[in-house]
Every structure is written in structure tokens, then in C-alpha cells.
Amino acid sequence: MSQQWNPLQDLMVLQDRMNRLFEDATQRRNQADAGTGDEFERADWTPASDIYEPETGYLIAIDLPGINREALEIDIDDNRLVVKGVRAVAESRQHRSERPRGKFLRTYSVPGSVDQAKIAAEYKDGVLQIRLPKQTEQKPKKIDIKIS
């Protein structure tokens, strides 16, 4: 039995790939501008992440196993959420190296609907979860105007 084609799912996968492409291009540009800006902007690797949109806001889940909480930094700068840190691996007689190490960086655009003052993060079991709650909408009040 074949699975039914879901164009919306294909579009979401394409959007995710395009977002990664733009993030990678930005990071490469930052690496090319090595003489300018913050040295930390030159990342050695990029952790995988998922973005969800529950009704109350957005949730970003980033896989960061084996990284100390103290090695993480999260900032908001000009409607960009920046997550950076370092994965240090103890030097020893290593036979194989497959896990990325060194500095990492992820940036995300923050929609205007997000209440930036209420952004919160939790780091548990190697996954950093960042919650970006939506602003509560002020519903317009209905005012009856009397005609005299």
C-alpha cells in the first residue's frame, strides 16, 4: 500500500531545508569576515533542531548532548534568537572521532508576535528547549455610540 502524497508536508520539508541553507550561508559569511565582529560567530559545527508551533507560541528543540549547561549562551539581538556554546571533548588517545566538537552557533528569526520578555529555556537530557510565547492579543472593545 502506497502512502498518500502530502504536498503540505513536502513544502514544510523544503522550507526547513531553505532555512538551513540560509543559516549556513550566513555562518559562512561570518567565517569569511574573520577580521571583523565577534570571534565566536565562526562556528565549528551546527546542532540539529526542530521548530514547533503550538497554539500558545513557538518551541525550538536543539540537540546538544554532552554539553555542560554553563557552556550555553542564549541571546536576543535585533529580533534574532542566537544560541551558541562549546562542546569540549577530553583529549586522550582517541581511536575514532565522529561527534562534532568546538564552537557551535544557531540563529533563528523571532516573529513580531512573540513576547520577547517571556522567552524561557530548559536544558534536560541533552535537549535545549526554548519556548517563545505569543503575545496575548488585545481584543478590540465594542463601544456603543449614542446618536443624539
Protein backbone atom coordinates (compact mmCIF):
# COMPACT_ATOMS: atom_id res chain seq x y z
CA MET A 1 0.00 0.00 0.00
CA SER A 2 1.50 3.35 -1.02
CA GLN A 3 1.42 6.39 1.20
CA GLN A 4 -0.74 9.30 0.03
CA TRP A 5 1.21 12.31 -1.23
CA ASN A 6 1.07 15.23 1.17
CA PRO A 7 2.11 18.47 -0.59
CA LEU A 8 1.97 20.45 2.68
CA GLN A 9 4.49 18.08 4.29
CA ASP A 10 6.77 18.40 1.25
CA LEU A 11 6.50 22.19 1.45
CA MET A 12 7.42 22.14 5.17
CA VAL A 13 10.46 19.95 4.45
CA LEU A 14 11.51 22.31 1.65
CA GLN A 15 11.09 25.34 3.94
CA ASP A 16 13.25 23.67 6.62
CA ARG A 17 15.96 22.93 4.04
CA MET A 18 15.85 26.52 2.76
CA ASN A 19 16.12 27.87 6.33
CA ARG A 20 19.19 25.70 6.92
CA LEU A 21 20.67 26.84 3.61
CA PHE A 22 20.29 30.50 4.57
CA GLU A 23 21.64 29.87 8.09
CA ASP A 24 24.65 28.03 6.64
CA ALA A 25 25.27 30.86 4.15
CA THR A 26 25.13 33.41 6.97
CA GLN A 27 27.56 31.39 9.04
CA ARG A 28 29.95 31.01 6.08
CA ARG A 29 29.79 34.78 5.52
CA ASN A 30 30.62 35.32 9.18
CA GLN A 31 33.55 32.94 8.84
CA ALA A 32 34.77 34.83 5.76
CA ASP A 33 34.63 38.07 7.75
CA ALA A 34 37.08 36.65 10.27
CA GLY A 35 38.75 40.01 10.81
CA THR A 36 35.52 41.68 11.86
CA GLY A 37 32.95 41.07 14.56
CA ASP A 38 32.89 38.61 17.40
CA GLU A 39 35.28 35.66 17.11
CA PHE A 40 32.53 33.39 18.45
CA GLU A 41 30.45 33.91 15.31
CA ARG A 42 32.70 31.47 13.44
CA ALA A 43 31.07 28.15 14.29
CA ASP A 44 32.80 24.78 14.02
CA TRP A 45 29.51 22.88 13.76
CA THR A 46 25.73 23.32 13.71
CA PRO A 47 23.46 21.31 16.03
CA ALA A 48 20.20 19.84 14.70
CA SER A 49 16.97 21.50 15.76
CA ASP A 50 13.21 21.23 15.36
CA ILE A 51 10.72 24.09 15.50
CA TYR A 52 7.13 23.57 16.58
CA GLU A 53 4.19 25.97 16.75
CA PRO A 54 1.72 25.05 19.47
CA GLU A 55 -1.24 27.41 19.94
CA THR A 56 0.49 29.44 22.65
CA GLY A 57 3.71 30.26 20.77
CA TYR A 58 6.75 28.52 19.34
CA LEU A 59 9.05 25.80 20.66
CA ILE A 60 12.61 25.26 19.47
CA ALA A 61 14.26 21.95 20.43
CA ILE A 62 18.03 21.73 19.84
CA ASP A 63 20.03 18.51 20.26
CA LEU A 64 23.07 19.29 22.41
CA PRO A 65 24.09 16.02 24.11
CA GLY A 66 27.18 16.05 26.26
CA ILE A 67 27.35 19.83 26.60
CA ASN A 68 27.51 21.48 30.01
CA ARG A 69 24.73 23.92 30.82
CA GLU A 70 27.39 26.51 31.67
CA ALA A 71 28.76 26.27 28.10
CA LEU A 72 25.44 27.50 26.62
CA GLU A 73 24.52 31.10 25.84
CA ILE A 74 21.16 32.35 24.56
CA ASP A 75 20.57 35.94 23.46
CA ILE A 76 18.01 38.02 21.56
CA ASP A 77 19.56 40.60 19.26
CA ASP A 78 17.51 42.63 16.78
CA ASN A 79 14.70 40.03 16.55
CA ARG A 80 17.23 37.20 16.15
CA LEU A 81 17.49 34.42 18.72
CA VAL A 82 21.13 33.37 18.98
CA VAL A 83 22.14 30.09 20.65
CA LYS A 84 25.85 29.42 20.99
CA GLY A 85 28.25 27.42 23.07
CA VAL A 86 31.14 24.99 23.06
CA ARG A 87 31.40 21.22 23.12
CA ALA A 88 34.70 20.30 24.70
CA VAL A 89 35.93 16.73 24.34
CA ALA A 90 38.64 15.47 26.66
CA GLU A 91 41.89 14.89 24.84
CA SER A 92 43.05 11.29 25.04
CA ARG A 93 44.20 8.54 22.75
CA GLN A 94 41.19 8.64 20.51
CA HIS A 95 40.60 5.84 18.03
CA ARG A 96 37.64 7.40 16.23
CA SER A 97 36.13 10.89 16.14
CA GLU A 98 32.57 11.23 14.84
CA ARG A 99 30.97 13.69 17.25
CA PRO A 100 31.35 17.37 16.41
CA ARG A 101 33.35 19.49 18.82
CA GLY A 102 34.25 23.10 19.28
CA LYS A 103 32.07 26.18 18.94
CA PHE A 104 28.51 25.96 17.66
CA LEU A 105 26.01 28.60 16.65
CA ARG A 106 22.33 28.62 15.66
CA THR A 107 20.28 31.70 14.82
CA TYR A 108 16.52 31.96 14.44
CA SER A 109 14.26 34.80 13.34
CA VAL A 110 11.84 35.80 16.08
CA PRO A 111 8.38 36.72 14.76
CA GLY A 112 6.88 40.01 15.91
CA SER A 113 4.05 38.08 17.56
CA VAL A 114 6.44 36.70 20.22
CA ASP A 115 6.50 38.25 23.70
CA GLN A 116 10.30 38.50 23.98
CA ALA A 117 10.16 39.30 27.72
CA LYS A 118 8.66 35.86 28.41
CA ILE A 119 11.07 33.68 26.41
CA ALA A 120 12.25 30.77 28.58
CA ALA A 121 14.65 27.86 28.12
CA GLU A 122 15.06 24.43 29.69
CA TYR A 123 18.01 22.06 29.21
CA LYS A 124 17.26 18.42 30.01
CA ASP A 125 18.58 15.08 28.73
CA GLY A 126 20.81 16.76 26.16
CA VAL A 127 17.98 18.75 24.55
CA LEU A 128 17.68 22.52 24.87
CA GLN A 129 14.05 23.61 24.63
CA ILE A 130 13.35 27.29 24.10
CA ARG A 131 9.76 28.50 24.48
CA LEU A 132 8.76 31.66 22.66
CA PRO A 133 5.24 32.57 23.84
CA LYS A 134 2.98 34.63 21.62
CA GLN A 135 1.78 37.98 22.88
CA THR A 136 -1.73 38.00 24.23
CA GLU A 137 -3.87 39.81 21.75
CA GLN A 138 -5.85 42.77 22.92
CA LYS A 139 -9.33 42.23 21.56
CA PRO A 140 -11.00 45.42 20.45
CA LYS A 141 -13.73 46.57 22.76
CA LYS A 142 -17.11 47.25 21.33
CA ILE A 143 -18.29 50.70 22.26
CA ASP A 144 -21.86 51.76 21.62
CA ILE A 145 -22.05 55.34 20.45
CA LYS A 146 -25.34 57.03 21.09
CA ILE A 147 -26.73 59.24 18.41
CA SER A 148 -28.44 62.36 19.74
